[in-house]
Structure formats: structure tokens, C-alpha cells
């Protein structure tokens, strides 16, 4: 039985899909035909795709929250938090097609995610999202390197592999 929370999540997903359809360029006709063909072969695919999208949205949101917390912690400790991935002006990929528009579509679909942590709780019991990663165990000091192979002093004859390269 569909509970109200699940209904809101599904309705929200399809609202975002409708909104993004109005903001993106033309779809790749060949990719769209292939998708329709595969859905015809697997009629339950949209159900599983919707589940996958909703779970991934939740995971993405939780990852962003975790990253923000870790960046804040690093900043408090005087660490550097910026990297090449957080540049303000990203140039768009040239060309068209199905995958070229996927990032724009994904941003439109996931950009409006206002779901609570309920979906995560359904799949993880809520505990995993808040547990910090365990501290790595200290590694023992490496032992001095020893040469177990090496040159045995043989003259291996300068092999002629043939051909005049």
C-alpha cells in the first residue's frame, strides 16, 4: 500500500521531470526510441527507475550534507577546502545527444529535492547516514627495502626480435 510520504516523493519526482522537460533542449530521437523499446520489453522499468532516482537523490543530499560538515570541520582546523571541482563558472560540454544533456536534466530533477530523511530511513534505518567514518588505523613503518631479485650478472645475449623497426 502506498503511504502518503511515498506518494509525495513520487509526485515530486514527476513534477521535477515535467519542469525540466520544459527547460531543456530537444531530446535525442534515437536515444528516446531505444528507451521506449527497452521499456516496452521491461514494463516495470519506470517503477525501478523511479525508486533508483529517489534513493540516489537521498544519497546525494546526504553526501552533500556530509561534505559540508567535513569542509566546515576542516576549515575550523585551518584546512584547505576548495578544489578544482568547486569552480563557479563551469563551461558546458560541447555537442549534443542523450548524455550531453543528462547533467542538465539531473540538475533539474534533483535540484528541487526537498524530501526529508524518511526515504533514507526506509532503506538504512537512519543510523548509517549519521555515523562518522571510522578513523584509519595507524600504518606500521615500512621496513628497509631489500633486493630479492636483481641482476644475477648473466649476459642474456641482446635478443633480436626480428623486423627492422
C-alpha atoms as a PDB file:
ATOM      1  CA  UNK A   1       0.000   0.000   0.000  1.00  0.00           C
ATOM      2  CA  UNK A   2       1.318   3.411  -0.970  1.00  0.00           C
ATOM      3  CA  UNK A   3       1.801   5.626   2.072  1.00  0.00           C
ATOM      4  CA  UNK A   4       1.455   9.443   1.882  1.00  0.00           C
ATOM      5  CA  UNK A   5       5.195  10.028   2.179  1.00  0.00           C
ATOM      6  CA  UNK A   6       5.954   7.718  -0.745  1.00  0.00           C
ATOM      7  CA  UNK A   7       3.185   9.344  -2.772  1.00  0.00           C
ATOM      8  CA  UNK A   8       4.683  12.810  -2.156  1.00  0.00           C
ATOM      9  CA  UNK A   9       8.128  11.566  -3.170  1.00  0.00           C
ATOM     10  CA  UNK A  10       6.834  10.035  -6.417  1.00  0.00           C
ATOM     11  CA  UNK A  11       4.659  13.044  -7.234  1.00  0.00           C
ATOM     12  CA  UNK A  12       7.587  15.370  -6.535  1.00  0.00           C
ATOM     13  CA  UNK A  13       9.842  13.372  -8.836  1.00  0.00           C
ATOM     14  CA  UNK A  14       7.388  13.559 -11.714  1.00  0.00           C
ATOM     15  CA  UNK A  15       6.767  17.274 -11.127  1.00  0.00           C
ATOM     16  CA  UNK A  16      10.513  17.882 -11.394  1.00  0.00           C
ATOM     17  CA  UNK A  17      10.667  15.754 -14.550  1.00  0.00           C
ATOM     18  CA  UNK A  18       7.841  17.785 -16.080  1.00  0.00           C
ATOM     19  CA  UNK A  19       9.551  21.049 -15.136  1.00  0.00           C
ATOM     20  CA  UNK A  20      12.918  20.004 -16.535  1.00  0.00           C
ATOM     21  CA  UNK A  21      11.296  18.881 -19.799  1.00  0.00           C
ATOM     22  CA  UNK A  22      10.215  22.471 -20.378  1.00  0.00           C
ATOM     23  CA  UNK A  23      13.691  23.886 -19.707  1.00  0.00           C
ATOM     24  CA  UNK A  24      15.922  21.572 -21.722  1.00  0.00           C
ATOM     25  CA  UNK A  25      16.646  21.375 -25.392  1.00  0.00           C
ATOM     26  CA  UNK A  26      15.352  18.784 -27.813  1.00  0.00           C
ATOM     27  CA  UNK A  27      15.730  15.143 -26.864  1.00  0.00           C
ATOM     28  CA  UNK A  28      17.877  12.755 -28.880  1.00  0.00           C
ATOM     29  CA  UNK A  29      15.300  10.912 -31.022  1.00  0.00           C
ATOM     30  CA  UNK A  30      17.393   7.755 -31.397  1.00  0.00           C
ATOM     31  CA  UNK A  31      18.069   7.528 -27.650  1.00  0.00           C
ATOM     32  CA  UNK A  32      14.400   8.159 -26.914  1.00  0.00           C
ATOM     33  CA  UNK A  33      13.366   5.387 -29.336  1.00  0.00           C
ATOM     34  CA  UNK A  34      15.795   2.968 -27.682  1.00  0.00           C
ATOM     35  CA  UNK A  35      14.461   3.859 -24.230  1.00  0.00           C
ATOM     36  CA  UNK A  36      10.856   3.319 -25.375  1.00  0.00           C
ATOM     37  CA  UNK A  37      11.871  -0.009 -26.916  1.00  0.00           C
ATOM     38  CA  UNK A  38      13.522  -1.169 -23.682  1.00  0.00           C
ATOM     39  CA  UNK A  39      10.592  -0.021 -21.538  1.00  0.00           C
ATOM     40  CA  UNK A  40       8.312  -1.982 -23.878  1.00  0.00           C
ATOM     41  CA  UNK A  41      10.443  -5.063 -23.190  1.00  0.00           C
ATOM     42  CA  UNK A  42      10.553  -4.342 -19.449  1.00  0.00           C
ATOM     43  CA  UNK A  43       7.288  -2.644 -18.451  1.00  0.00           C
ATOM     44  CA  UNK A  44       8.311  -2.459 -14.777  1.00  0.00           C
ATOM     45  CA  UNK A  45      11.441  -0.436 -15.631  1.00  0.00           C
ATOM     46  CA  UNK A  46       9.893   3.002 -14.833  1.00  0.00           C
ATOM     47  CA  UNK A  47       8.941   1.741 -11.355  1.00  0.00           C
ATOM     48  CA  UNK A  48      12.505   0.650 -10.624  1.00  0.00           C
ATOM     49  CA  UNK A  49      13.934   3.759 -12.263  1.00  0.00           C
ATOM     50  CA  UNK A  50      11.793   5.980 -10.018  1.00  0.00           C
ATOM     51  CA  UNK A  51      12.947   4.042  -6.951  1.00  0.00           C
ATOM     52  CA  UNK A  52      16.555   4.361  -8.068  1.00  0.00           C
ATOM     53  CA  UNK A  53      16.270   8.100  -8.689  1.00  0.00           C
ATOM     54  CA  UNK A  54      14.655   8.731  -5.307  1.00  0.00           C
ATOM     55  CA  UNK A  55      17.252   6.670  -3.451  1.00  0.00           C
ATOM     56  CA  UNK A  56      20.080   8.388  -5.344  1.00  0.00           C
ATOM     57  CA  UNK A  57      18.619  11.834  -4.598  1.00  0.00           C
ATOM     58  CA  UNK A  58      18.592  10.980  -0.917  1.00  0.00           C
ATOM     59  CA  UNK A  59      22.130   9.619  -1.045  1.00  0.00           C
ATOM     60  CA  UNK A  60      23.307  12.702  -2.928  1.00  0.00           C
ATOM     61  CA  UNK A  61      21.672  15.039  -0.418  1.00  0.00           C
ATOM     62  CA  UNK A  62      23.206  13.145   2.497  1.00  0.00           C
ATOM     63  CA  UNK A  63      26.610  13.147   0.795  1.00  0.00           C
ATOM     64  CA  UNK A  64      26.393  16.908   0.267  1.00  0.00           C
ATOM     65  CA  UNK A  65      25.470  17.384   3.930  1.00  0.00           C
ATOM     66  CA  UNK A  66      28.384  15.176   4.973  1.00  0.00           C
ATOM     67  CA  UNK A  67      30.787  17.045   2.691  1.00  0.00           C
ATOM     68  CA  UNK A  68      29.584  20.377   4.072  1.00  0.00           C
ATOM     69  CA  UNK A  69      30.119  19.131   7.623  1.00  0.00           C
ATOM     70  CA  UNK A  70      33.604  17.828   6.783  1.00  0.00           C
ATOM     71  CA  UNK A  71      34.531  21.055   4.985  1.00  0.00           C
ATOM     72  CA  UNK A  72      33.346  23.055   7.980  1.00  0.00           C
ATOM     73  CA  UNK A  73      35.395  20.840  10.280  1.00  0.00           C
ATOM     74  CA  UNK A  74      38.451  21.197   8.017  1.00  0.00           C
ATOM     75  CA  UNK A  75      38.003  24.967   7.911  1.00  0.00           C
ATOM     76  CA  UNK A  76      37.837  25.073  11.710  1.00  0.00           C
ATOM     77  CA  UNK A  77      41.125  23.161  11.764  1.00  0.00           C
ATOM     78  CA  UNK A  78      42.704  25.535   9.250  1.00  0.00           C
ATOM     79  CA  UNK A  79      42.486  23.150   6.298  1.00  0.00           C
ATOM     80  CA  UNK A  80      42.075  23.992   2.643  1.00  0.00           C
ATOM     81  CA  UNK A  81      38.549  23.230   1.432  1.00  0.00           C
ATOM     82  CA  UNK A  82      38.477  24.429  -2.165  1.00  0.00           C
ATOM     83  CA  UNK A  83      39.382  22.249  -5.092  1.00  0.00           C
ATOM     84  CA  UNK A  84      39.068  22.195  -8.866  1.00  0.00           C
ATOM     85  CA  UNK A  85      35.536  20.790  -8.632  1.00  0.00           C
ATOM     86  CA  UNK A  86      34.066  23.859  -6.943  1.00  0.00           C
ATOM     87  CA  UNK A  87      34.807  26.458  -9.606  1.00  0.00           C
ATOM     88  CA  UNK A  88      31.987  28.920 -10.084  1.00  0.00           C
ATOM     89  CA  UNK A  89      31.959  29.036 -13.858  1.00  0.00           C
ATOM     90  CA  UNK A  90      31.845  25.607 -15.431  1.00  0.00           C
ATOM     91  CA  UNK A  91      31.805  25.583 -19.178  1.00  0.00           C
ATOM     92  CA  UNK A  92      29.166  23.450 -20.783  1.00  0.00           C
ATOM     93  CA  UNK A  93      30.212  20.394 -22.711  1.00  0.00           C
ATOM     94  CA  UNK A  94      30.151  20.885 -26.448  1.00  0.00           C
ATOM     95  CA  UNK A  95      27.944  18.728 -28.615  1.00  0.00           C
ATOM     96  CA  UNK A  96      24.519  17.260 -28.179  1.00  0.00           C
ATOM     97  CA  UNK A  97      22.889  13.943 -27.687  1.00  0.00           C
ATOM     98  CA  UNK A  98      21.475  11.966 -24.839  1.00  0.00           C
ATOM     99  CA  UNK A  99      24.396  12.029 -22.400  1.00  0.00           C
ATOM    100  CA  UNK A 100      25.351  15.626 -23.150  1.00  0.00           C
ATOM    101  CA  UNK A 101      22.004  16.788 -21.756  1.00  0.00           C
ATOM    102  CA  UNK A 102      21.998  14.317 -18.869  1.00  0.00           C
ATOM    103  CA  UNK A 103      23.809  16.608 -16.438  1.00  0.00           C
ATOM    104  CA  UNK A 104      21.385  19.451 -17.108  1.00  0.00           C
ATOM    105  CA  UNK A 105      18.428  17.108 -16.686  1.00  0.00           C
ATOM    106  CA  UNK A 106      19.871  15.627 -13.500  1.00  0.00           C
ATOM    107  CA  UNK A 107      20.349  19.091 -12.039  1.00  0.00           C
ATOM    108  CA  UNK A 108      16.756  19.964 -12.868  1.00  0.00           C
ATOM    109  CA  UNK A 109      15.402  16.746 -11.396  1.00  0.00           C
ATOM    110  CA  UNK A 110      17.483  16.699  -8.230  1.00  0.00           C
ATOM    111  CA  UNK A 111      17.697  20.456  -7.773  1.00  0.00           C
ATOM    112  CA  UNK A 112      14.278  20.655  -6.160  1.00  0.00           C
ATOM    113  CA  UNK A 113      14.777  17.831  -3.705  1.00  0.00           C
ATOM    114  CA  UNK A 114      13.016  18.782  -0.503  1.00  0.00           C
ATOM    115  CA  UNK A 115      12.457  15.249   0.776  1.00  0.00           C
ATOM    116  CA  UNK A 116      13.098  14.553   4.431  1.00  0.00           C
ATOM    117  CA  UNK A 117      15.420  11.859   5.616  1.00  0.00           C
ATOM    118  CA  UNK A 118      12.460   9.461   5.657  1.00  0.00           C
ATOM    119  CA  UNK A 119      13.475   7.751   2.420  1.00  0.00           C
ATOM    120  CA  UNK A 120      16.969   7.179   3.762  1.00  0.00           C
ATOM    121  CA  UNK A 121      15.482   5.820   6.955  1.00  0.00           C
ATOM    122  CA  UNK A 122      13.404   3.358   4.971  1.00  0.00           C
ATOM    123  CA  UNK A 123      16.489   1.868   3.348  1.00  0.00           C
ATOM    124  CA  UNK A 124      19.145   2.409   6.021  1.00  0.00           C
ATOM    125  CA  UNK A 125      17.266   2.561   9.278  1.00  0.00           C
ATOM    126  CA  UNK A 126      18.522   6.135   9.665  1.00  0.00           C
ATOM    127  CA  UNK A 127      21.663   5.130  11.535  1.00  0.00           C
ATOM    128  CA  UNK A 128      24.147   4.901   8.696  1.00  0.00           C
ATOM    129  CA  UNK A 129      23.621   8.447   7.483  1.00  0.00           C
ATOM    130  CA  UNK A 130      24.835   9.943  10.767  1.00  0.00           C
ATOM    131  CA  UNK A 131      27.691   7.653  11.777  1.00  0.00           C
ATOM    132  CA  UNK A 132      31.089   9.194  11.083  1.00  0.00           C
ATOM    133  CA  UNK A 133      33.584   7.204   9.107  1.00  0.00           C
ATOM    134  CA  UNK A 134      35.951   5.267  11.380  1.00  0.00           C
ATOM    135  CA  UNK A 135      39.430   6.672  11.873  1.00  0.00           C
ATOM    136  CA  UNK A 136      42.010   4.770   9.825  1.00  0.00           C
ATOM    137  CA  UNK A 137      44.321   2.566  11.847  1.00  0.00           C
ATOM    138  CA  UNK A 138      47.932   3.754  12.005  1.00  0.00           C
ATOM    139  CA  UNK A 139      50.134   2.005   9.489  1.00  0.00           C
ATOM    140  CA  UNK A 140      53.400   0.425  10.670  1.00  0.00           C
ATOM    141  CA  UNK A 141      56.628   1.995   9.483  1.00  0.00           C
ATOM    142  CA  UNK A 142      57.847   0.300   6.294  1.00  0.00           C
ATOM    143  CA  UNK A 143      60.899  -1.883   6.698  1.00  0.00           C
ATOM    144  CA  UNK A 144      64.002  -1.001   4.723  1.00  0.00           C
ATOM    145  CA  UNK A 145      63.752  -2.291   1.198  1.00  0.00           C
ATOM    146  CA  UNK A 146      65.655  -5.420   0.329  1.00  0.00           C
ATOM    147  CA  UNK A 147      66.602  -6.541  -3.146  1.00  0.00           C
ATOM    148  CA  UNK A 148      65.239 -10.057  -3.572  1.00  0.00           C
ATOM    149  CA  UNK A 149      65.637 -10.191  -7.333  1.00  0.00           C
ATOM    150  CA  UNK A 150      68.002  -8.171  -9.282  1.00  0.00           C
ATOM    151  CA  UNK A 151      70.822  -8.716 -11.686  1.00  0.00           C
ATOM    152  CA  UNK A 152      72.478 -12.104 -11.426  1.00  0.00           C
ATOM    153  CA  UNK A 153      75.274 -10.972 -13.689  1.00  0.00           C
ATOM    154  CA  UNK A 154      74.242 -13.048 -16.696  1.00  0.00           C
ATOM    155  CA  UNK A 155      74.739 -11.923 -20.276  1.00  0.00           C
ATOM    156  CA  UNK A 156      71.353 -12.503 -21.816  1.00  0.00           C
ATOM    157  CA  UNK A 157      72.530 -12.135 -25.393  1.00  0.00           C
ATOM    158  CA  UNK A 158      70.803  -8.959 -26.631  1.00  0.00           C
ATOM    159  CA  UNK A 159      67.840 -10.702 -28.256  1.00  0.00           C
ATOM    160  CA  UNK A 160      66.988  -9.917 -31.858  1.00  0.00           C
ATOM    161  CA  UNK A 161      63.209  -9.682 -32.019  1.00  0.00           C
ATOM    162  CA  UNK A 162      63.239  -9.604 -35.800  1.00  0.00           C
ATOM    163  CA  UNK A 163      61.953  -6.908 -38.074  1.00  0.00           C
ATOM    164  CA  UNK A 164      63.670  -3.675 -38.958  1.00  0.00           C
ATOM    165  CA  UNK A 165      61.784  -1.240 -36.801  1.00  0.00           C
END
